[in-house]
Each structure stands twice: as structure tokens, then as C-alpha cells.
N, C-alpha and C. Protein backbone atom coordinates (compact mmCIF):
# COMPACT_ATOMS: atom_id res chain seq x y z
N UNK A 1 -21.09 -22.17 -8.26
CA UNK A 1 -20.71 -21.13 -7.27
C UNK A 1 -21.78 -21.03 -6.21
N UNK A 2 -21.31 -20.69 -5.05
CA UNK A 2 -22.25 -20.48 -3.94
C UNK A 2 -22.03 -19.12 -3.30
N UNK A 3 -22.86 -18.81 -2.34
CA UNK A 3 -22.77 -17.56 -1.66
C UNK A 3 -21.53 -17.52 -0.74
N UNK A 4 -21.08 -16.25 -0.51
CA UNK A 4 -20.03 -16.09 0.49
C UNK A 4 -20.58 -15.16 1.58
N UNK A 5 -20.28 -15.54 2.81
CA UNK A 5 -20.74 -14.78 3.95
C UNK A 5 -19.60 -13.92 4.48
N UNK A 6 -19.80 -12.68 4.81
CA UNK A 6 -18.79 -11.86 5.40
C UNK A 6 -19.19 -11.44 6.84
N UNK A 7 -18.30 -11.40 7.74
CA UNK A 7 -18.56 -11.19 9.11
C UNK A 7 -17.65 -10.05 9.71
N UNK A 8 -18.27 -9.05 10.29
CA UNK A 8 -17.59 -8.01 10.99
C UNK A 8 -17.85 -8.21 12.50
N UNK A 9 -16.99 -8.97 13.17
CA UNK A 9 -17.27 -9.38 14.52
C UNK A 9 -16.86 -8.32 15.52
N UNK A 10 -17.83 -8.00 16.40
CA UNK A 10 -17.60 -7.10 17.49
C UNK A 10 -18.06 -7.71 18.83
N UNK A 11 -17.70 -7.07 19.89
CA UNK A 11 -18.00 -7.67 21.23
C UNK A 11 -19.53 -7.60 21.53
N UNK A 12 -20.26 -6.64 20.90
CA UNK A 12 -21.75 -6.57 21.14
C UNK A 12 -22.53 -6.79 19.92
N UNK A 13 -21.96 -6.50 18.74
CA UNK A 13 -22.66 -6.68 17.49
C UNK A 13 -21.80 -7.33 16.44
N UNK A 14 -22.51 -8.12 15.56
CA UNK A 14 -21.83 -8.68 14.47
C UNK A 14 -22.53 -8.29 13.14
N UNK A 15 -21.78 -7.55 12.29
CA UNK A 15 -22.34 -7.14 11.01
C UNK A 15 -22.15 -8.32 10.04
N UNK A 16 -23.16 -8.60 9.28
CA UNK A 16 -23.10 -9.69 8.35
C UNK A 16 -23.54 -9.22 6.92
N UNK A 17 -22.84 -9.68 5.94
CA UNK A 17 -23.20 -9.40 4.54
C UNK A 17 -23.07 -10.73 3.81
N UNK A 18 -23.70 -10.80 2.64
CA UNK A 18 -23.72 -12.01 1.87
C UNK A 18 -23.59 -11.64 0.35
N UNK A 19 -22.93 -12.49 -0.36
CA UNK A 19 -22.81 -12.29 -1.83
C UNK A 19 -23.98 -12.95 -2.52
N UNK A 20 -24.21 -12.52 -3.80
CA UNK A 20 -25.15 -13.27 -4.63
C UNK A 20 -24.49 -14.56 -5.03
N UNK A 21 -25.26 -15.49 -5.55
CA UNK A 21 -24.75 -16.84 -5.88
C UNK A 21 -23.57 -16.80 -6.95
N UNK A 22 -23.51 -15.73 -7.76
CA UNK A 22 -22.42 -15.65 -8.80
C UNK A 22 -21.17 -14.95 -8.15
N UNK A 23 -21.28 -14.54 -6.94
CA UNK A 23 -20.20 -13.87 -6.26
C UNK A 23 -19.71 -12.61 -6.89
N UNK A 24 -20.65 -11.78 -7.32
CA UNK A 24 -20.37 -10.51 -7.92
C UNK A 24 -20.68 -9.35 -7.02
N UNK A 25 -21.84 -9.42 -6.36
CA UNK A 25 -22.31 -8.25 -5.55
C UNK A 25 -22.49 -8.67 -4.07
N UNK A 26 -22.02 -7.78 -3.19
CA UNK A 26 -22.17 -7.98 -1.72
C UNK A 26 -23.36 -7.17 -1.25
N UNK A 27 -24.16 -7.74 -0.37
CA UNK A 27 -25.26 -7.05 0.14
C UNK A 27 -25.31 -7.21 1.67
N UNK A 28 -25.51 -6.11 2.40
CA UNK A 28 -25.69 -6.22 3.85
C UNK A 28 -26.83 -7.16 4.18
N UNK A 29 -26.63 -7.98 5.16
CA UNK A 29 -27.71 -9.03 5.52
C UNK A 29 -28.32 -8.59 6.82
N UNK A 30 -27.58 -8.48 7.88
CA UNK A 30 -28.17 -8.14 9.17
C UNK A 30 -27.09 -7.81 10.17
N UNK A 31 -27.51 -7.31 11.35
CA UNK A 31 -26.58 -7.18 12.44
C UNK A 31 -27.13 -7.99 13.61
N UNK A 32 -26.29 -8.85 14.04
CA UNK A 32 -26.63 -9.72 15.20
C UNK A 32 -26.20 -9.04 16.50
N UNK A 33 -27.10 -8.91 17.44
CA UNK A 33 -26.74 -8.35 18.78
C UNK A 33 -26.44 -9.62 19.64
N UNK A 34 -25.24 -9.61 20.26
CA UNK A 34 -24.79 -10.79 20.99
C UNK A 34 -24.55 -10.45 22.43
N UNK A 35 -24.54 -11.44 23.32
CA UNK A 35 -24.32 -11.25 24.71
C UNK A 35 -22.93 -11.75 25.16
N UNK A 36 -22.30 -12.55 24.33
CA UNK A 36 -20.92 -13.08 24.62
C UNK A 36 -20.33 -13.66 23.37
N UNK A 37 -19.03 -13.98 23.52
CA UNK A 37 -18.33 -14.63 22.37
C UNK A 37 -19.02 -15.95 21.97
N UNK A 38 -19.29 -16.70 22.98
CA UNK A 38 -20.01 -18.02 22.77
C UNK A 38 -21.35 -17.84 21.99
N UNK A 39 -22.12 -16.86 22.46
CA UNK A 39 -23.42 -16.52 21.85
C UNK A 39 -23.13 -16.16 20.33
N UNK A 40 -22.11 -15.31 20.13
CA UNK A 40 -21.74 -14.93 18.75
C UNK A 40 -21.38 -16.07 17.82
N UNK A 41 -20.59 -16.98 18.36
CA UNK A 41 -20.18 -18.19 17.53
C UNK A 41 -21.45 -19.03 17.25
N UNK A 42 -22.30 -19.22 18.26
CA UNK A 42 -23.51 -20.04 18.07
C UNK A 42 -24.45 -19.39 17.01
N UNK A 43 -24.54 -18.10 17.07
CA UNK A 43 -25.42 -17.41 16.12
C UNK A 43 -24.83 -17.50 14.67
N UNK A 44 -23.46 -17.35 14.63
CA UNK A 44 -22.82 -17.47 13.27
C UNK A 44 -22.91 -18.88 12.68
N UNK A 45 -22.78 -19.88 13.58
CA UNK A 45 -22.86 -21.23 13.17
C UNK A 45 -24.25 -21.52 12.60
N UNK A 46 -25.31 -21.03 13.33
CA UNK A 46 -26.72 -21.18 12.88
C UNK A 46 -26.92 -20.53 11.53
N UNK A 47 -26.38 -19.31 11.35
CA UNK A 47 -26.49 -18.53 10.17
C UNK A 47 -25.84 -19.33 8.98
N UNK A 48 -24.66 -19.85 9.25
CA UNK A 48 -23.98 -20.69 8.21
C UNK A 48 -24.83 -21.91 7.81
N UNK A 49 -25.54 -22.46 8.84
CA UNK A 49 -26.40 -23.60 8.53
C UNK A 49 -27.61 -23.19 7.67
N UNK A 50 -28.14 -21.96 7.89
CA UNK A 50 -29.24 -21.45 7.06
C UNK A 50 -28.82 -21.17 5.66
N UNK A 51 -27.73 -20.45 5.52
CA UNK A 51 -27.33 -19.87 4.24
C UNK A 51 -26.48 -20.94 3.48
N UNK A 52 -25.73 -21.69 4.17
CA UNK A 52 -24.81 -22.65 3.46
C UNK A 52 -23.80 -22.02 2.62
N UNK A 53 -23.04 -21.07 3.05
CA UNK A 53 -22.06 -20.36 2.24
C UNK A 53 -20.89 -21.30 1.84
N UNK A 54 -20.35 -20.91 0.73
CA UNK A 54 -19.13 -21.64 0.22
C UNK A 54 -17.92 -21.29 1.06
N UNK A 55 -17.91 -20.06 1.62
CA UNK A 55 -16.80 -19.66 2.44
C UNK A 55 -17.34 -18.53 3.36
N UNK A 56 -16.57 -18.24 4.41
CA UNK A 56 -16.86 -17.15 5.34
C UNK A 56 -15.60 -16.23 5.30
N UNK A 57 -15.85 -14.97 5.01
CA UNK A 57 -14.81 -13.93 5.08
C UNK A 57 -14.94 -13.33 6.48
N UNK A 58 -13.91 -13.50 7.25
CA UNK A 58 -13.91 -12.96 8.64
C UNK A 58 -13.09 -11.71 8.68
N UNK A 59 -13.69 -10.63 9.07
CA UNK A 59 -12.95 -9.34 9.22
C UNK A 59 -11.84 -9.52 10.26
N UNK A 60 -10.64 -9.26 9.87
CA UNK A 60 -9.48 -9.44 10.74
C UNK A 60 -8.93 -8.05 11.09
N UNK A 61 -9.22 -7.67 12.40
CA UNK A 61 -8.90 -6.30 12.84
C UNK A 61 -7.50 -6.06 13.27
N UNK A 62 -6.66 -5.86 12.34
CA UNK A 62 -5.26 -5.58 12.59
C UNK A 62 -5.18 -4.09 12.97
N UNK A 63 -4.13 -3.74 13.75
CA UNK A 63 -3.84 -2.34 14.07
C UNK A 63 -3.38 -1.57 12.87
N UNK A 64 -3.33 -0.30 12.88
CA UNK A 64 -2.92 0.49 11.74
C UNK A 64 -1.52 0.11 11.30
N UNK A 65 -0.67 -0.36 12.16
CA UNK A 65 0.69 -0.74 11.78
C UNK A 65 0.77 -2.23 11.28
N UNK A 66 -0.39 -2.92 11.26
CA UNK A 66 -0.43 -4.25 10.86
C UNK A 66 -0.21 -5.31 11.94
N UNK A 67 -0.13 -4.82 13.16
CA UNK A 67 0.03 -5.71 14.34
C UNK A 67 -1.26 -6.23 14.86
N UNK A 68 -1.23 -7.34 15.55
CA UNK A 68 -2.47 -7.86 16.17
C UNK A 68 -2.89 -6.98 17.32
N UNK A 69 -4.16 -6.84 17.53
CA UNK A 69 -4.70 -6.06 18.57
C UNK A 69 -5.49 -7.04 19.59
N UNK A 70 -6.04 -6.43 20.58
CA UNK A 70 -6.86 -7.21 21.52
C UNK A 70 -8.07 -7.84 20.81
N UNK A 71 -8.63 -7.05 19.87
CA UNK A 71 -9.79 -7.56 19.12
C UNK A 71 -9.38 -8.67 18.13
N UNK A 72 -8.14 -8.61 17.60
CA UNK A 72 -7.63 -9.59 16.72
C UNK A 72 -7.58 -10.97 17.43
N UNK A 73 -7.18 -10.92 18.66
CA UNK A 73 -7.02 -12.16 19.42
C UNK A 73 -8.46 -12.71 19.67
N UNK A 74 -9.40 -11.87 19.89
CA UNK A 74 -10.81 -12.39 20.10
C UNK A 74 -11.29 -13.01 18.80
N UNK A 75 -11.07 -12.30 17.64
CA UNK A 75 -11.47 -12.87 16.38
C UNK A 75 -10.76 -14.23 16.13
N UNK A 76 -9.55 -14.34 16.52
CA UNK A 76 -8.82 -15.64 16.34
C UNK A 76 -9.58 -16.70 17.10
N UNK A 77 -10.08 -16.41 18.31
CA UNK A 77 -10.86 -17.31 19.14
C UNK A 77 -12.19 -17.67 18.39
N UNK A 78 -12.81 -16.66 17.84
CA UNK A 78 -14.06 -16.87 17.14
C UNK A 78 -13.81 -17.85 15.96
N UNK A 79 -12.77 -17.58 15.21
CA UNK A 79 -12.40 -18.43 14.05
C UNK A 79 -12.19 -19.86 14.42
N UNK A 80 -11.47 -20.06 15.55
CA UNK A 80 -11.19 -21.38 16.05
C UNK A 80 -12.45 -22.07 16.44
N UNK A 81 -13.31 -21.39 17.22
CA UNK A 81 -14.57 -22.01 17.67
C UNK A 81 -15.56 -22.29 16.54
N UNK A 82 -15.62 -21.35 15.56
CA UNK A 82 -16.47 -21.57 14.39
C UNK A 82 -15.99 -22.69 13.52
N UNK A 83 -14.70 -22.78 13.37
CA UNK A 83 -14.09 -23.91 12.58
C UNK A 83 -14.39 -25.25 13.21
N UNK A 84 -14.49 -25.31 14.54
CA UNK A 84 -14.81 -26.61 15.20
C UNK A 84 -16.33 -26.97 15.01
N UNK A 85 -17.14 -26.01 14.62
CA UNK A 85 -18.55 -26.28 14.43
C UNK A 85 -19.01 -26.41 12.97
N UNK A 86 -18.14 -26.06 12.05
CA UNK A 86 -18.53 -26.22 10.58
C UNK A 86 -17.30 -26.48 9.76
N UNK A 87 -17.54 -27.06 8.64
CA UNK A 87 -16.41 -27.36 7.70
C UNK A 87 -16.19 -26.23 6.67
N UNK A 88 -16.98 -25.20 6.74
CA UNK A 88 -16.87 -24.09 5.78
C UNK A 88 -15.55 -23.38 5.99
N UNK A 89 -14.81 -23.15 4.92
CA UNK A 89 -13.53 -22.43 4.99
C UNK A 89 -13.72 -21.03 5.50
N UNK A 90 -12.86 -20.55 6.42
CA UNK A 90 -12.93 -19.25 6.98
C UNK A 90 -11.66 -18.48 6.51
N UNK A 91 -11.86 -17.42 5.82
CA UNK A 91 -10.78 -16.62 5.25
C UNK A 91 -10.63 -15.29 6.06
N UNK A 92 -9.41 -15.04 6.58
CA UNK A 92 -9.25 -13.78 7.32
C UNK A 92 -9.03 -12.69 6.29
N UNK A 93 -9.73 -11.54 6.54
CA UNK A 93 -9.62 -10.42 5.62
C UNK A 93 -9.37 -9.11 6.39
N UNK A 94 -8.34 -8.36 5.98
CA UNK A 94 -7.99 -7.16 6.66
C UNK A 94 -9.13 -6.21 6.56
N UNK A 95 -9.63 -5.81 7.75
CA UNK A 95 -10.85 -4.95 7.77
C UNK A 95 -10.57 -3.52 8.17
N UNK A 96 -9.27 -3.16 8.16
CA UNK A 96 -8.90 -1.81 8.59
C UNK A 96 -9.66 -0.79 7.75
N UNK A 97 -10.23 0.19 8.49
CA UNK A 97 -10.87 1.38 7.84
C UNK A 97 -12.29 1.04 7.26
N UNK A 98 -12.73 -0.15 7.32
CA UNK A 98 -14.06 -0.45 6.73
C UNK A 98 -15.18 0.26 7.51
N UNK A 99 -15.08 0.32 8.83
CA UNK A 99 -16.07 1.05 9.67
C UNK A 99 -16.06 2.48 9.38
N UNK A 100 -14.88 3.10 9.23
CA UNK A 100 -14.72 4.52 8.87
C UNK A 100 -15.39 4.79 7.55
N UNK A 101 -15.09 3.89 6.56
CA UNK A 101 -15.72 4.08 5.17
C UNK A 101 -17.26 3.94 5.29
N UNK A 102 -17.76 3.01 6.11
CA UNK A 102 -19.17 2.86 6.32
C UNK A 102 -19.86 4.07 6.89
N UNK A 103 -19.16 4.65 7.87
CA UNK A 103 -19.67 5.91 8.53
C UNK A 103 -19.71 7.03 7.53
N UNK A 104 -18.68 7.11 6.63
CA UNK A 104 -18.69 8.17 5.64
C UNK A 104 -19.82 8.01 4.68
N UNK A 105 -20.09 6.85 4.30
CA UNK A 105 -21.28 6.56 3.38
C UNK A 105 -22.58 7.03 4.03
N UNK A 106 -22.75 6.70 5.31
CA UNK A 106 -23.99 7.07 5.99
C UNK A 106 -24.09 8.63 6.08
N UNK A 107 -22.94 9.25 6.45
CA UNK A 107 -22.98 10.71 6.57
C UNK A 107 -23.30 11.35 5.23
N UNK A 108 -22.79 10.82 4.16
CA UNK A 108 -23.07 11.36 2.82
C UNK A 108 -24.59 11.23 2.45
N UNK A 109 -25.23 10.21 3.10
CA UNK A 109 -26.68 10.07 2.82
C UNK A 109 -27.50 10.80 3.89
N UNK A 110 -26.80 11.53 4.74
CA UNK A 110 -27.52 12.36 5.79
C UNK A 110 -28.02 11.50 6.94
N UNK A 111 -27.46 10.36 7.14
CA UNK A 111 -27.87 9.41 8.24
C UNK A 111 -26.90 9.63 9.42
N UNK A 112 -27.46 9.82 10.62
CA UNK A 112 -26.61 10.01 11.81
C UNK A 112 -25.94 8.66 12.18
N UNK A 113 -24.65 8.69 12.31
CA UNK A 113 -23.89 7.43 12.62
C UNK A 113 -24.07 7.01 14.06
N UNK A 114 -24.20 8.00 14.99
CA UNK A 114 -24.30 7.72 16.47
C UNK A 114 -25.44 6.78 16.74
N UNK A 115 -26.58 6.94 16.08
CA UNK A 115 -27.76 6.16 16.30
C UNK A 115 -27.93 4.88 15.42
N UNK A 116 -26.92 4.70 14.61
CA UNK A 116 -27.05 3.60 13.61
C UNK A 116 -25.84 2.64 13.59
N UNK A 117 -25.37 2.26 14.80
CA UNK A 117 -24.16 1.39 14.87
C UNK A 117 -24.39 0.07 14.21
N UNK A 118 -25.55 -0.45 14.23
CA UNK A 118 -25.86 -1.75 13.59
C UNK A 118 -25.74 -1.63 12.05
N UNK A 119 -26.19 -0.54 11.50
CA UNK A 119 -26.09 -0.35 10.11
C UNK A 119 -24.62 -0.20 9.67
N UNK A 120 -23.83 0.47 10.54
CA UNK A 120 -22.42 0.66 10.25
C UNK A 120 -21.71 -0.78 10.16
N UNK A 121 -22.13 -1.62 11.12
CA UNK A 121 -21.52 -2.96 11.12
C UNK A 121 -21.87 -3.77 9.88
N UNK A 122 -23.11 -3.65 9.43
CA UNK A 122 -23.56 -4.29 8.20
C UNK A 122 -22.78 -3.78 6.99
N UNK A 123 -22.73 -2.49 6.92
CA UNK A 123 -22.01 -1.84 5.76
C UNK A 123 -20.51 -2.22 5.80
N UNK A 124 -19.94 -2.27 6.97
CA UNK A 124 -18.53 -2.63 7.03
C UNK A 124 -18.32 -4.02 6.56
N UNK A 125 -19.25 -4.95 6.85
CA UNK A 125 -19.22 -6.35 6.34
C UNK A 125 -19.39 -6.35 4.83
N UNK A 126 -20.28 -5.53 4.37
CA UNK A 126 -20.50 -5.42 2.86
C UNK A 126 -19.29 -4.91 2.17
N UNK A 127 -18.64 -3.90 2.71
CA UNK A 127 -17.50 -3.28 2.11
C UNK A 127 -16.35 -4.29 2.03
N UNK A 128 -16.15 -4.98 3.12
CA UNK A 128 -15.18 -6.05 3.22
C UNK A 128 -15.36 -7.11 2.18
N UNK A 129 -16.61 -7.59 2.09
CA UNK A 129 -17.01 -8.64 1.13
C UNK A 129 -16.82 -8.18 -0.28
N UNK A 130 -17.25 -6.99 -0.58
CA UNK A 130 -17.07 -6.46 -1.93
C UNK A 130 -15.66 -6.30 -2.34
N UNK A 131 -14.77 -5.90 -1.39
CA UNK A 131 -13.39 -5.89 -1.66
C UNK A 131 -12.85 -7.28 -1.98
N UNK A 132 -13.27 -8.20 -1.25
CA UNK A 132 -12.81 -9.62 -1.51
C UNK A 132 -13.32 -10.07 -2.89
N UNK A 133 -14.56 -9.84 -3.20
CA UNK A 133 -15.09 -10.28 -4.48
C UNK A 133 -14.36 -9.60 -5.61
N UNK A 134 -14.17 -8.28 -5.44
CA UNK A 134 -13.49 -7.52 -6.55
C UNK A 134 -12.02 -7.98 -6.71
N UNK A 135 -11.34 -8.31 -5.62
CA UNK A 135 -9.93 -8.77 -5.69
C UNK A 135 -9.83 -10.14 -6.46
N UNK A 136 -10.87 -10.91 -6.35
CA UNK A 136 -10.90 -12.23 -7.07
C UNK A 136 -11.13 -12.05 -8.53
N UNK A 137 -11.97 -11.05 -8.91
CA UNK A 137 -12.27 -10.82 -10.31
C UNK A 137 -11.10 -10.21 -11.11
N UNK A 138 -10.14 -9.63 -10.32
CA UNK A 138 -9.04 -9.01 -11.04
C UNK A 138 -7.89 -10.06 -11.30
N UNK A 139 -7.94 -11.18 -10.57
CA UNK A 139 -6.88 -12.13 -10.79
C UNK A 139 -7.18 -13.12 -11.87
């Protein structure tokens, strides 16, 4: 088994989390600050080269009704561009409410969410990855 990388892609920041080699526990890794979609894809490709994940879980930002949004279309472009640069499988994962859940966790710990957007992005990626890992252990 190898590590799995989770990505919460945003227009300015990308939250990243990684699993342990046994694919049991998700841990926030970092938040990448990006200047463009192209910059984001390059940074993710480099990170994949460093970590060598078995798969990438890409947060797929569907609207509350399950429809594609403007951000979903951007993430589709990221997936296409990243797929052209690596052979690592990319799995779309519904990320609805992960940022809200991350903000709640920070508030419970007494951390102000307004000043910690990067931490929210990391936590959202970790939540998404843990959901993915847990879903696989139940099957």
C-alpha cells in the first residue's frame, strides 16, 4: 500500500492532506498559495513527484443540489491538466460541507477562522481524505 494525497483546490489556496502508508489515518500536510490555475497544477504535480502517492483524491465541489458549479468546472480543468502530467489515478470526491466542518472544528478549539483560511483548507482536505479512507474500510 502507498500513501493517498487529498486536494482541496481553490483559486488562491490548495489544501493538501496525506494518508499514512497503511491508508488508515489522514493528516493535513500543507496549504499551497497559488497565483493561477497553471501554477496550482504545477505545484500539485511537483508534490505528487515528491510524495509518490498511489492515488489523488480531488475535492469535487458540487452545489448543494448536486449540480456542477463554476468551481466544479475549474476543478475539471485541474484534473485534466494534472492527468496529462502524471499517471497517478485521480478520484473525484464530493467535498460538500468539508470547509464548514473544518471551520466548526477550529471554532471548537477557540481558533478564529477568519485569520486561518489556510488551516481550514488543510482540514477540509483531511476530512475529505478520512471520509474516503473510512468508506473503503467499510466495504
